[in-house]
PDBML (XML) file of the C-alpha atoms, coordinates in Angstrom:
<?xml version="1.0" encoding="UTF-8" ?>
<PDBx:datablock datablockName="MODEL"
   xmlns:PDBx="http://pdbml.pdb.org/schema/pdbx-v50.xsd"
   xmlns:xsi="http://www.w3.org/2001/XMLSchema-instance"
   xsi:schemaLocation="http://pdbml.pdb.org/schema/pdbx-v50.xsd pdbx-v50.xsd">
   <PDBx:atom_siteCategory>
      <PDBx:atom_site id="1">
         <PDBx:B_iso_or_equiv>0.00</PDBx:B_iso_or_equiv>
         <PDBx:Cartn_x>80.252</PDBx:Cartn_x>
         <PDBx:Cartn_y>73.424</PDBx:Cartn_y>
         <PDBx:Cartn_z>46.546</PDBx:Cartn_z>
         <PDBx:auth_asym_id>A</PDBx:auth_asym_id>
         <PDBx:auth_atom_id>CA</PDBx:auth_atom_id>
         <PDBx:auth_comp_id>THR</PDBx:auth_comp_id>
         <PDBx:auth_seq_id>1</PDBx:auth_seq_id>
         <PDBx:group_PDB>ATOM</PDBx:group_PDB>
         <PDBx:label_alt_id xsi:nil="true" />
         <PDBx:label_asym_id>A</PDBx:label_asym_id>
         <PDBx:label_atom_id>CA</PDBx:label_atom_id>
         <PDBx:label_comp_id>THR</PDBx:label_comp_id>
         <PDBx:label_entity_id>1</PDBx:label_entity_id>
         <PDBx:label_seq_id>1</PDBx:label_seq_id>
         <PDBx:occupancy>1.00</PDBx:occupancy>
         <PDBx:pdbx_PDB_model_num>1</PDBx:pdbx_PDB_model_num>
         <PDBx:type_symbol>C</PDBx:type_symbol>
      </PDBx:atom_site>
      <PDBx:atom_site id="2">
         <PDBx:B_iso_or_equiv>0.00</PDBx:B_iso_or_equiv>
         <PDBx:Cartn_x>80.128</PDBx:Cartn_x>
         <PDBx:Cartn_y>72.914</PDBx:Cartn_y>
         <PDBx:Cartn_z>42.774</PDBx:Cartn_z>
         <PDBx:auth_asym_id>A</PDBx:auth_asym_id>
         <PDBx:auth_atom_id>CA</PDBx:auth_atom_id>
         <PDBx:auth_comp_id>ALA</PDBx:auth_comp_id>
         <PDBx:auth_seq_id>2</PDBx:auth_seq_id>
         <PDBx:group_PDB>ATOM</PDBx:group_PDB>
         <PDBx:label_alt_id xsi:nil="true" />
         <PDBx:label_asym_id>A</PDBx:label_asym_id>
         <PDBx:label_atom_id>CA</PDBx:label_atom_id>
         <PDBx:label_comp_id>ALA</PDBx:label_comp_id>
         <PDBx:label_entity_id>1</PDBx:label_entity_id>
         <PDBx:label_seq_id>2</PDBx:label_seq_id>
         <PDBx:occupancy>1.00</PDBx:occupancy>
         <PDBx:pdbx_PDB_model_num>1</PDBx:pdbx_PDB_model_num>
         <PDBx:type_symbol>C</PDBx:type_symbol>
      </PDBx:atom_site>
      <PDBx:atom_site id="3">
         <PDBx:B_iso_or_equiv>0.00</PDBx:B_iso_or_equiv>
         <PDBx:Cartn_x>83.918</PDBx:Cartn_x>
         <PDBx:Cartn_y>72.736</PDBx:Cartn_y>
         <PDBx:Cartn_z>42.326</PDBx:Cartn_z>
         <PDBx:auth_asym_id>A</PDBx:auth_asym_id>
         <PDBx:auth_atom_id>CA</PDBx:auth_atom_id>
         <PDBx:auth_comp_id>ALA</PDBx:auth_comp_id>
         <PDBx:auth_seq_id>3</PDBx:auth_seq_id>
         <PDBx:group_PDB>ATOM</PDBx:group_PDB>
         <PDBx:label_alt_id xsi:nil="true" />
         <PDBx:label_asym_id>A</PDBx:label_asym_id>
         <PDBx:label_atom_id>CA</PDBx:label_atom_id>
         <PDBx:label_comp_id>ALA</PDBx:label_comp_id>
         <PDBx:label_entity_id>1</PDBx:label_entity_id>
         <PDBx:label_seq_id>3</PDBx:label_seq_id>
         <PDBx:occupancy>1.00</PDBx:occupancy>
         <PDBx:pdbx_PDB_model_num>1</PDBx:pdbx_PDB_model_num>
         <PDBx:type_symbol>C</PDBx:type_symbol>
      </PDBx:atom_site>
      <PDBx:atom_site id="4">
         <PDBx:B_iso_or_equiv>0.00</PDBx:B_iso_or_equiv>
         <PDBx:Cartn_x>85.390</PDBx:Cartn_x>
         <PDBx:Cartn_y>71.711</PDBx:Cartn_y>
         <PDBx:Cartn_z>45.696</PDBx:Cartn_z>
         <PDBx:auth_asym_id>A</PDBx:auth_asym_id>
         <PDBx:auth_atom_id>CA</PDBx:auth_atom_id>
         <PDBx:auth_comp_id>PRO</PDBx:auth_comp_id>
         <PDBx:auth_seq_id>4</PDBx:auth_seq_id>
         <PDBx:group_PDB>ATOM</PDBx:group_PDB>
         <PDBx:label_alt_id xsi:nil="true" />
         <PDBx:label_asym_id>A</PDBx:label_asym_id>
         <PDBx:label_atom_id>CA</PDBx:label_atom_id>
         <PDBx:label_comp_id>PRO</PDBx:label_comp_id>
         <PDBx:label_entity_id>1</PDBx:label_entity_id>
         <PDBx:label_seq_id>4</PDBx:label_seq_id>
         <PDBx:occupancy>1.00</PDBx:occupancy>
         <PDBx:pdbx_PDB_model_num>1</PDBx:pdbx_PDB_model_num>
         <PDBx:type_symbol>C</PDBx:type_symbol>
      </PDBx:atom_site>
      <PDBx:atom_site id="5">
         <PDBx:B_iso_or_equiv>0.00</PDBx:B_iso_or_equiv>
         <PDBx:Cartn_x>88.904</PDBx:Cartn_x>
         <PDBx:Cartn_y>71.018</PDBx:Cartn_y>
         <PDBx:Cartn_z>44.360</PDBx:Cartn_z>
         <PDBx:auth_asym_id>A</PDBx:auth_asym_id>
         <PDBx:auth_atom_id>CA</PDBx:auth_atom_id>
         <PDBx:auth_comp_id>SER</PDBx:auth_comp_id>
         <PDBx:auth_seq_id>5</PDBx:auth_seq_id>
         <PDBx:group_PDB>ATOM</PDBx:group_PDB>
         <PDBx:label_alt_id xsi:nil="true" />
         <PDBx:label_asym_id>A</PDBx:label_asym_id>
         <PDBx:label_atom_id>CA</PDBx:label_atom_id>
         <PDBx:label_comp_id>SER</PDBx:label_comp_id>
         <PDBx:label_entity_id>1</PDBx:label_entity_id>
         <PDBx:label_seq_id>5</PDBx:label_seq_id>
         <PDBx:occupancy>1.00</PDBx:occupancy>
         <PDBx:pdbx_PDB_model_num>1</PDBx:pdbx_PDB_model_num>
         <PDBx:type_symbol>C</PDBx:type_symbol>
      </PDBx:atom_site>
      <PDBx:atom_site id="6">
         <PDBx:B_iso_or_equiv>0.00</PDBx:B_iso_or_equiv>
         <PDBx:Cartn_x>89.258</PDBx:Cartn_x>
         <PDBx:Cartn_y>74.302</PDBx:Cartn_y>
         <PDBx:Cartn_z>42.473</PDBx:Cartn_z>
         <PDBx:auth_asym_id>A</PDBx:auth_asym_id>
         <PDBx:auth_atom_id>CA</PDBx:auth_atom_id>
         <PDBx:auth_comp_id>ALA</PDBx:auth_comp_id>
         <PDBx:auth_seq_id>6</PDBx:auth_seq_id>
         <PDBx:group_PDB>ATOM</PDBx:group_PDB>
         <PDBx:label_alt_id xsi:nil="true" />
         <PDBx:label_asym_id>A</PDBx:label_asym_id>
         <PDBx:label_atom_id>CA</PDBx:label_atom_id>
         <PDBx:label_comp_id>ALA</PDBx:label_comp_id>
         <PDBx:label_entity_id>1</PDBx:label_entity_id>
         <PDBx:label_seq_id>6</PDBx:label_seq_id>
         <PDBx:occupancy>1.00</PDBx:occupancy>
         <PDBx:pdbx_PDB_model_num>1</PDBx:pdbx_PDB_model_num>
         <PDBx:type_symbol>C</PDBx:type_symbol>
      </PDBx:atom_site>
      <PDBx:atom_site id="7">
         <PDBx:B_iso_or_equiv>0.00</PDBx:B_iso_or_equiv>
         <PDBx:Cartn_x>91.288</PDBx:Cartn_x>
         <PDBx:Cartn_y>77.240</PDBx:Cartn_y>
         <PDBx:Cartn_z>43.702</PDBx:Cartn_z>
         <PDBx:auth_asym_id>A</PDBx:auth_asym_id>
         <PDBx:auth_atom_id>CA</PDBx:auth_atom_id>
         <PDBx:auth_comp_id>LYS</PDBx:auth_comp_id>
         <PDBx:auth_seq_id>7</PDBx:auth_seq_id>
         <PDBx:group_PDB>ATOM</PDBx:group_PDB>
         <PDBx:label_alt_id xsi:nil="true" />
         <PDBx:label_asym_id>A</PDBx:label_asym_id>
         <PDBx:label_atom_id>CA</PDBx:label_atom_id>
         <PDBx:label_comp_id>LYS</PDBx:label_comp_id>
         <PDBx:label_entity_id>1</PDBx:label_entity_id>
         <PDBx:label_seq_id>7</PDBx:label_seq_id>
         <PDBx:occupancy>1.00</PDBx:occupancy>
         <PDBx:pdbx_PDB_model_num>1</PDBx:pdbx_PDB_model_num>
         <PDBx:type_symbol>C</PDBx:type_symbol>
      </PDBx:atom_site>
      <PDBx:atom_site id="8">
         <PDBx:B_iso_or_equiv>0.00</PDBx:B_iso_or_equiv>
         <PDBx:Cartn_x>89.182</PDBx:Cartn_x>
         <PDBx:Cartn_y>80.413</PDBx:Cartn_y>
         <PDBx:Cartn_z>43.586</PDBx:Cartn_z>
         <PDBx:auth_asym_id>A</PDBx:auth_asym_id>
         <PDBx:auth_atom_id>CA</PDBx:auth_atom_id>
         <PDBx:auth_comp_id>ILE</PDBx:auth_comp_id>
         <PDBx:auth_seq_id>8</PDBx:auth_seq_id>
         <PDBx:group_PDB>ATOM</PDBx:group_PDB>
         <PDBx:label_alt_id xsi:nil="true" />
         <PDBx:label_asym_id>A</PDBx:label_asym_id>
         <PDBx:label_atom_id>CA</PDBx:label_atom_id>
         <PDBx:label_comp_id>ILE</PDBx:label_comp_id>
         <PDBx:label_entity_id>1</PDBx:label_entity_id>
         <PDBx:label_seq_id>8</PDBx:label_seq_id>
         <PDBx:occupancy>1.00</PDBx:occupancy>
         <PDBx:pdbx_PDB_model_num>1</PDBx:pdbx_PDB_model_num>
         <PDBx:type_symbol>C</PDBx:type_symbol>
      </PDBx:atom_site>
      <PDBx:atom_site id="9">
         <PDBx:B_iso_or_equiv>0.00</PDBx:B_iso_or_equiv>
         <PDBx:Cartn_x>90.569</PDBx:Cartn_x>
         <PDBx:Cartn_y>83.892</PDBx:Cartn_y>
         <PDBx:Cartn_z>42.982</PDBx:Cartn_z>
         <PDBx:auth_asym_id>A</PDBx:auth_asym_id>
         <PDBx:auth_atom_id>CA</PDBx:auth_atom_id>
         <PDBx:auth_comp_id>ILE</PDBx:auth_comp_id>
         <PDBx:auth_seq_id>9</PDBx:auth_seq_id>
         <PDBx:group_PDB>ATOM</PDBx:group_PDB>
         <PDBx:label_alt_id xsi:nil="true" />
         <PDBx:label_asym_id>A</PDBx:label_asym_id>
         <PDBx:label_atom_id>CA</PDBx:label_atom_id>
         <PDBx:label_comp_id>ILE</PDBx:label_comp_id>
         <PDBx:label_entity_id>1</PDBx:label_entity_id>
         <PDBx:label_seq_id>9</PDBx:label_seq_id>
         <PDBx:occupancy>1.00</PDBx:occupancy>
         <PDBx:pdbx_PDB_model_num>1</PDBx:pdbx_PDB_model_num>
         <PDBx:type_symbol>C</PDBx:type_symbol>
      </PDBx:atom_site>
      <PDBx:atom_site id="10">
         <PDBx:B_iso_or_equiv>0.00</PDBx:B_iso_or_equiv>
         <PDBx:Cartn_x>88.351</PDBx:Cartn_x>
         <PDBx:Cartn_y>86.954</PDBx:Cartn_y>
         <PDBx:Cartn_z>43.281</PDBx:Cartn_z>
         <PDBx:auth_asym_id>A</PDBx:auth_asym_id>
         <PDBx:auth_atom_id>CA</PDBx:auth_atom_id>
         <PDBx:auth_comp_id>ILE</PDBx:auth_comp_id>
         <PDBx:auth_seq_id>10</PDBx:auth_seq_id>
         <PDBx:group_PDB>ATOM</PDBx:group_PDB>
         <PDBx:label_alt_id xsi:nil="true" />
         <PDBx:label_asym_id>A</PDBx:label_asym_id>
         <PDBx:label_atom_id>CA</PDBx:label_atom_id>
         <PDBx:label_comp_id>ILE</PDBx:label_comp_id>
         <PDBx:label_entity_id>1</PDBx:label_entity_id>
         <PDBx:label_seq_id>10</PDBx:label_seq_id>
         <PDBx:occupancy>1.00</PDBx:occupancy>
         <PDBx:pdbx_PDB_model_num>1</PDBx:pdbx_PDB_model_num>
         <PDBx:type_symbol>C</PDBx:type_symbol>
      </PDBx:atom_site>
      <PDBx:atom_site id="11">
         <PDBx:B_iso_or_equiv>0.00</PDBx:B_iso_or_equiv>
         <PDBx:Cartn_x>89.147</PDBx:Cartn_x>
         <PDBx:Cartn_y>90.002</PDBx:Cartn_y>
         <PDBx:Cartn_z>41.131</PDBx:Cartn_z>
         <PDBx:auth_asym_id>A</PDBx:auth_asym_id>
         <PDBx:auth_atom_id>CA</PDBx:auth_atom_id>
         <PDBx:auth_comp_id>VAL</PDBx:auth_comp_id>
         <PDBx:auth_seq_id>11</PDBx:auth_seq_id>
         <PDBx:group_PDB>ATOM</PDBx:group_PDB>
         <PDBx:label_alt_id xsi:nil="true" />
         <PDBx:label_asym_id>A</PDBx:label_asym_id>
         <PDBx:label_atom_id>CA</PDBx:label_atom_id>
         <PDBx:label_comp_id>VAL</PDBx:label_comp_id>
         <PDBx:label_entity_id>1</PDBx:label_entity_id>
         <PDBx:label_seq_id>11</PDBx:label_seq_id>
         <PDBx:occupancy>1.00</PDBx:occupancy>
         <PDBx:pdbx_PDB_model_num>1</PDBx:pdbx_PDB_model_num>
         <PDBx:type_symbol>C</PDBx:type_symbol>
      </PDBx:atom_site>
      <PDBx:atom_site id="12">
         <PDBx:B_iso_or_equiv>0.00</PDBx:B_iso_or_equiv>
         <PDBx:Cartn_x>87.461</PDBx:Cartn_x>
         <PDBx:Cartn_y>93.202</PDBx:Cartn_y>
         <PDBx:Cartn_z>42.235</PDBx:Cartn_z>
         <PDBx:auth_asym_id>A</PDBx:auth_asym_id>
         <PDBx:auth_atom_id>CA</PDBx:auth_atom_id>
         <PDBx:auth_comp_id>GLY</PDBx:auth_comp_id>
         <PDBx:auth_seq_id>12</PDBx:auth_seq_id>
         <PDBx:group_PDB>ATOM</PDBx:group_PDB>
         <PDBx:label_alt_id xsi:nil="true" />
         <PDBx:label_asym_id>A</PDBx:label_asym_id>
         <PDBx:label_atom_id>CA</PDBx:label_atom_id>
         <PDBx:label_comp_id>GLY</PDBx:label_comp_id>
         <PDBx:label_entity_id>1</PDBx:label_entity_id>
         <PDBx:label_seq_id>12</PDBx:label_seq_id>
         <PDBx:occupancy>1.00</PDBx:occupancy>
         <PDBx:pdbx_PDB_model_num>1</PDBx:pdbx_PDB_model_num>
         <PDBx:type_symbol>C</PDBx:type_symbol>
      </PDBx:atom_site>
      <PDBx:atom_site id="13">
         <PDBx:B_iso_or_equiv>0.00</PDBx:B_iso_or_equiv>
         <PDBx:Cartn_x>85.731</PDBx:Cartn_x>
         <PDBx:Cartn_y>95.806</PDBx:Cartn_y>
         <PDBx:Cartn_z>40.078</PDBx:Cartn_z>
         <PDBx:auth_asym_id>A</PDBx:auth_asym_id>
         <PDBx:auth_atom_id>CA</PDBx:auth_atom_id>
         <PDBx:auth_comp_id>PRO</PDBx:auth_comp_id>
         <PDBx:auth_seq_id>13</PDBx:auth_seq_id>
         <PDBx:group_PDB>ATOM</PDBx:group_PDB>
         <PDBx:label_alt_id xsi:nil="true" />
         <PDBx:label_asym_id>A</PDBx:label_asym_id>
         <PDBx:label_atom_id>CA</PDBx:label_atom_id>
         <PDBx:label_comp_id>PRO</PDBx:label_comp_id>
         <PDBx:label_entity_id>1</PDBx:label_entity_id>
         <PDBx:label_seq_id>13</PDBx:label_seq_id>
         <PDBx:occupancy>1.00</PDBx:occupancy>
         <PDBx:pdbx_PDB_model_num>1</PDBx:pdbx_PDB_model_num>
         <PDBx:type_symbol>C</PDBx:type_symbol>
      </PDBx:atom_site>
      <PDBx:atom_site id="14">
         <PDBx:B_iso_or_equiv>0.00</PDBx:B_iso_or_equiv>
         <PDBx:Cartn_x>87.636</PDBx:Cartn_x>
         <PDBx:Cartn_y>97.831</PDBx:Cartn_y>
         <PDBx:Cartn_z>37.525</PDBx:Cartn_z>
         <PDBx:auth_asym_id>A</PDBx:auth_asym_id>
         <PDBx:auth_atom_id>CA</PDBx:auth_atom_id>
         <PDBx:auth_comp_id>ALA</PDBx:auth_comp_id>
         <PDBx:auth_seq_id>14</PDBx:auth_seq_id>
         <PDBx:group_PDB>ATOM</PDBx:group_PDB>
         <PDBx:label_alt_id xsi:nil="true" />
         <PDBx:label_asym_id>A</PDBx:label_asym_id>
         <PDBx:label_atom_id>CA</PDBx:label_atom_id>
         <PDBx:label_comp_id>ALA</PDBx:label_comp_id>
         <PDBx:label_entity_id>1</PDBx:label_entity_id>
         <PDBx:label_seq_id>14</PDBx:label_seq_id>
         <PDBx:occupancy>1.00</PDBx:occupancy>
         <PDBx:pdbx_PDB_model_num>1</PDBx:pdbx_PDB_model_num>
         <PDBx:type_symbol>C</PDBx:type_symbol>
      </PDBx:atom_site>
      <PDBx:atom_site id="15">
         <PDBx:B_iso_or_equiv>0.00</PDBx:B_iso_or_equiv>
         <PDBx:Cartn_x>87.437</PDBx:Cartn_x>
         <PDBx:Cartn_y>101.594</PDBx:Cartn_y>
         <PDBx:Cartn_z>37.102</PDBx:Cartn_z>
         <PDBx:auth_asym_id>A</PDBx:auth_asym_id>
         <PDBx:auth_atom_id>CA</PDBx:auth_atom_id>
         <PDBx:auth_comp_id>GLN</PDBx:auth_comp_id>
         <PDBx:auth_seq_id>15</PDBx:auth_seq_id>
         <PDBx:group_PDB>ATOM</PDBx:group_PDB>
         <PDBx:label_alt_id xsi:nil="true" />
         <PDBx:label_asym_id>A</PDBx:label_asym_id>
         <PDBx:label_atom_id>CA</PDBx:label_atom_id>
         <PDBx:label_comp_id>GLN</PDBx:label_comp_id>
         <PDBx:label_entity_id>1</PDBx:label_entity_id>
         <PDBx:label_seq_id>15</PDBx:label_seq_id>
         <PDBx:occupancy>1.00</PDBx:occupancy>
         <PDBx:pdbx_PDB_model_num>1</PDBx:pdbx_PDB_model_num>
         <PDBx:type_symbol>C</PDBx:type_symbol>
      </PDBx:atom_site>
      <PDBx:atom_site id="16">
         <PDBx:B_iso_or_equiv>0.00</PDBx:B_iso_or_equiv>
         <PDBx:Cartn_x>85.436</PDBx:Cartn_x>
         <PDBx:Cartn_y>102.376</PDBx:Cartn_y>
         <PDBx:Cartn_z>33.950</PDBx:Cartn_z>
         <PDBx:auth_asym_id>A</PDBx:auth_asym_id>
         <PDBx:auth_atom_id>CA</PDBx:auth_atom_id>
         <PDBx:auth_comp_id>PRO</PDBx:auth_comp_id>
         <PDBx:auth_seq_id>16</PDBx:auth_seq_id>
         <PDBx:group_PDB>ATOM</PDBx:group_PDB>
         <PDBx:label_alt_id xsi:nil="true" />
         <PDBx:label_asym_id>A</PDBx:label_asym_id>
         <PDBx:label_atom_id>CA</PDBx:label_atom_id>
         <PDBx:label_comp_id>PRO</PDBx:label_comp_id>
         <PDBx:label_entity_id>1</PDBx:label_entity_id>
         <PDBx:label_seq_id>16</PDBx:label_seq_id>
         <PDBx:occupancy>1.00</PDBx:occupancy>
         <PDBx:pdbx_PDB_model_num>1</PDBx:pdbx_PDB_model_num>
         <PDBx:type_symbol>C</PDBx:type_symbol>
      </PDBx:atom_site>
      <PDBx:atom_site id="17">
         <PDBx:B_iso_or_equiv>0.00</PDBx:B_iso_or_equiv>
         <PDBx:Cartn_x>85.091</PDBx:Cartn_x>
         <PDBx:Cartn_y>105.913</PDBx:Cartn_y>
         <PDBx:Cartn_z>32.590</PDBx:Cartn_z>
         <PDBx:auth_asym_id>A</PDBx:auth_asym_id>
         <PDBx:auth_atom_id>CA</PDBx:auth_atom_id>
         <PDBx:auth_comp_id>PRO</PDBx:auth_comp_id>
         <PDBx:auth_seq_id>17</PDBx:auth_seq_id>
         <PDBx:group_PDB>ATOM</PDBx:group_PDB>
         <PDBx:label_alt_id xsi:nil="true" />
         <PDBx:label_asym_id>A</PDBx:label_asym_id>
         <PDBx:label_atom_id>CA</PDBx:label_atom_id>
         <PDBx:label_comp_id>PRO</PDBx:label_comp_id>
         <PDBx:label_entity_id>1</PDBx:label_entity_id>
         <PDBx:label_seq_id>17</PDBx:label_seq_id>
         <PDBx:occupancy>1.00</PDBx:occupancy>
         <PDBx:pdbx_PDB_model_num>1</PDBx:pdbx_PDB_model_num>
         <PDBx:type_symbol>C</PDBx:type_symbol>
      </PDBx:atom_site>
      <PDBx:atom_site id="18">
         <PDBx:B_iso_or_equiv>0.00</PDBx:B_iso_or_equiv>
         <PDBx:Cartn_x>82.495</PDBx:Cartn_x>
         <PDBx:Cartn_y>108.153</PDBx:Cartn_y>
         <PDBx:Cartn_z>34.250</PDBx:Cartn_z>
         <PDBx:auth_asym_id>A</PDBx:auth_asym_id>
         <PDBx:auth_atom_id>CA</PDBx:auth_atom_id>
         <PDBx:auth_comp_id>ARG</PDBx:auth_comp_id>
         <PDBx:auth_seq_id>18</PDBx:auth_seq_id>
         <PDBx:group_PDB>ATOM</PDBx:group_PDB>
         <PDBx:label_alt_id xsi:nil="true" />
         <PDBx:label_asym_id>A</PDBx:label_asym_id>
         <PDBx:label_atom_id>CA</PDBx:label_atom_id>
         <PDBx:label_comp_id>ARG</PDBx:label_comp_id>
         <PDBx:label_entity_id>1</PDBx:label_entity_id>
         <PDBx:label_seq_id>18</PDBx:label_seq_id>
         <PDBx:occupancy>1.00</PDBx:occupancy>
         <PDBx:pdbx_PDB_model_num>1</PDBx:pdbx_PDB_model_num>
         <PDBx:type_symbol>C</PDBx:type_symbol>
      </PDBx:atom_site>
      <PDBx:atom_site id="19">
         <PDBx:B_iso_or_equiv>0.00</PDBx:B_iso_or_equiv>
         <PDBx:Cartn_x>81.899</PDBx:Cartn_x>
         <PDBx:Cartn_y>105.661</PDBx:Cartn_y>
         <PDBx:Cartn_z>37.060</PDBx:Cartn_z>
         <PDBx:auth_asym_id>A</PDBx:auth_asym_id>
         <PDBx:auth_atom_id>CA</PDBx:auth_atom_id>
         <PDBx:auth_comp_id>ALA</PDBx:auth_comp_id>
         <PDBx:auth_seq_id>19</PDBx:auth_seq_id>
         <PDBx:group_PDB>ATOM</PDBx:group_PDB>
         <PDBx:label_alt_id xsi:nil="true" />
         <PDBx:label_asym_id>A</PDBx:label_asym_id>
         <PDBx:label_atom_id>CA</PDBx:label_atom_id>
         <PDBx:label_comp_id>ALA</PDBx:label_comp_id>
         <PDBx:label_entity_id>1</PDBx:label_entity_id>
         <PDBx:label_seq_id>19</PDBx:label_seq_id>
         <PDBx:occupancy>1.00</PDBx:occupancy>
         <PDBx:pdbx_PDB_model_num>1</PDBx:pdbx_PDB_model_num>
         <PDBx:type_symbol>C</PDBx:type_symbol>
      </PDBx:atom_site>
      <PDBx:atom_site id="20">
         <PDBx:B_iso_or_equiv>0.00</PDBx:B_iso_or_equiv>
         <PDBx:Cartn_x>81.466</PDBx:Cartn_x>
         <PDBx:Cartn_y>106.906</PDBx:Cartn_y>
         <PDBx:Cartn_z>40.604</PDBx:Cartn_z>
         <PDBx:auth_asym_id>A</PDBx:auth_asym_id>
         <PDBx:auth_atom_id>CA</PDBx:auth_atom_id>
         <PDBx:auth_comp_id>SER</PDBx:auth_comp_id>
         <PDBx:auth_seq_id>20</PDBx:auth_seq_id>
         <PDBx:group_PDB>ATOM</PDBx:group_PDB>
         <PDBx:label_alt_id xsi:nil="true" />
         <PDBx:label_asym_id>A</PDBx:label_asym_id>
         <PDBx:label_atom_id>CA</PDBx:label_atom_id>
         <PDBx:label_comp_id>SER</PDBx:label_comp_id>
         <PDBx:label_entity_id>1</PDBx:label_entity_id>
         <PDBx:label_seq_id>20</PDBx:label_seq_id>
         <PDBx:occupancy>1.00</PDBx:occupancy>
         <PDBx:pdbx_PDB_model_num>1</PDBx:pdbx_PDB_model_num>
         <PDBx:type_symbol>C</PDBx:type_symbol>
      </PDBx:atom_site>
      <PDBx:atom_site id="21">
         <PDBx:B_iso_or_equiv>0.00</PDBx:B_iso_or_equiv>
         <PDBx:Cartn_x>84.719</PDBx:Cartn_x>
         <PDBx:Cartn_y>106.275</PDBx:Cartn_y>
         <PDBx:Cartn_z>42.452</PDBx:Cartn_z>
         <PDBx:auth_asym_id>A</PDBx:auth_asym_id>
         <PDBx:auth_atom_id>CA</PDBx:auth_atom_id>
         <PDBx:auth_comp_id>GLU</PDBx:auth_comp_id>
         <PDBx:auth_seq_id>21</PDBx:auth_seq_id>
         <PDBx:group_PDB>ATOM</PDBx:group_PDB>
         <PDBx:label_alt_id xsi:nil="true" />
         <PDBx:label_asym_id>A</PDBx:label_asym_id>
         <PDBx:label_atom_id>CA</PDBx:label_atom_id>
         <PDBx:label_comp_id>GLU</PDBx:label_comp_id>
         <PDBx:label_entity_id>1</PDBx:label_entity_id>
         <PDBx:label_seq_id>21</PDBx:label_seq_id>
         <PDBx:occupancy>1.00</PDBx:occupancy>
         <PDBx:pdbx_PDB_model_num>1</PDBx:pdbx_PDB_model_num>
         <PDBx:type_symbol>C</PDBx:type_symbol>
      </PDBx:atom_site>
      <PDBx:atom_site id="22">
         <PDBx:B_iso_or_equiv>0.00</PDBx:B_iso_or_equiv>
         <PDBx:Cartn_x>82.926</PDBx:Cartn_x>
         <PDBx:Cartn_y>106.470</PDBx:Cartn_y>
         <PDBx:Cartn_z>45.804</PDBx:Cartn_z>
         <PDBx:auth_asym_id>A</PDBx:auth_asym_id>
         <PDBx:auth_atom_id>CA</PDBx:auth_atom_id>
         <PDBx:auth_comp_id>ALA</PDBx:auth_comp_id>
         <PDBx:auth_seq_id>22</PDBx:auth_seq_id>
         <PDBx:group_PDB>ATOM</PDBx:group_PDB>
         <PDBx:label_alt_id xsi:nil="true" />
         <PDBx:label_asym_id>A</PDBx:label_asym_id>
         <PDBx:label_atom_id>CA</PDBx:label_atom_id>
         <PDBx:label_comp_id>ALA</PDBx:label_comp_id>
         <PDBx:label_entity_id>1</PDBx:label_entity_id>
         <PDBx:label_seq_id>22</PDBx:label_seq_id>
         <PDBx:occupancy>1.00</PDBx:occupancy>
         <PDBx:pdbx_PDB_model_num>1</PDBx:pdbx_PDB_model_num>
         <PDBx:type_symbol>C</PDBx:type_symbol>
      </PDBx:atom_site>
      <PDBx:atom_site id="23">
         <PDBx:B_iso_or_equiv>0.00</PDBx:B_iso_or_equiv>
         <PDBx:Cartn_x>80.414</PDBx:Cartn_x>
         <PDBx:Cartn_y>103.795</PDBx:Cartn_y>
         <PDBx:Cartn_z>44.771</PDBx:Cartn_z>
         <PDBx:auth_asym_id>A</PDBx:auth_asym_id>
         <PDBx:auth_atom_id>CA</PDBx:auth_atom_id>
         <PDBx:auth_comp_id>ASP</PDBx:auth_comp_id>
         <PDBx:auth_seq_id>23</PDBx:auth_seq_id>
         <PDBx:group_PDB>ATOM</PDBx:group_PDB>
         <PDBx:label_alt_id xsi:nil="true" />
         <PDBx:label_asym_id>A</PDBx:label_asym_id>
         <PDBx:label_atom_id>CA</PDBx:label_atom_id>
         <PDBx:label_comp_id>ASP</PDBx:label_comp_id>
         <PDBx:label_entity_id>1</PDBx:label_entity_id>
         <PDBx:label_seq_id>23</PDBx:label_seq_id>
         <PDBx:occupancy>1.00</PDBx:occupancy>
         <PDBx:pdbx_PDB_model_num>1</PDBx:pdbx_PDB_model_num>
         <PDBx:type_symbol>C</PDBx:type_symbol>
      </PDBx:atom_site>
      <PDBx:atom_site id="24">
         <PDBx:B_iso_or_equiv>0.00</PDBx:B_iso_or_equiv>
         <PDBx:Cartn_x>83.157</PDBx:Cartn_x>
         <PDBx:Cartn_y>101.536</PDBx:Cartn_y>
         <PDBx:Cartn_z>43.427</PDBx:Cartn_z>
         <PDBx:auth_asym_id>A</PDBx:auth_asym_id>
         <PDBx:auth_atom_id>CA</PDBx:auth_atom_id>
         <PDBx:auth_comp_id>LEU</PDBx:auth_comp_id>
         <PDBx:auth_seq_id>24</PDBx:auth_seq_id>
         <PDBx:group_PDB>ATOM</PDBx:group_PDB>
         <PDBx:label_alt_id xsi:nil="true" />
         <PDBx:label_asym_id>A</PDBx:label_asym_id>
         <PDBx:label_atom_id>CA</PDBx:label_atom_id>
         <PDBx:label_comp_id>LEU</PDBx:label_comp_id>
         <PDBx:label_entity_id>1</PDBx:label_entity_id>
         <PDBx:label_seq_id>24</PDBx:label_seq_id>
         <PDBx:occupancy>1.00</PDBx:occupancy>
         <PDBx:pdbx_PDB_model_num>1</PDBx:pdbx_PDB_model_num>
         <PDBx:type_symbol>C</PDBx:type_symbol>
      </PDBx:atom_site>
   </PDBx:atom_siteCategory>
</PDBx:datablock>
């Protein structure tokens, strides 16, 4: 709505140290 002419790309979460892989 705020930027109707913009192309939008979604980048998912990274894998930081000690993070739960199941949660991510």
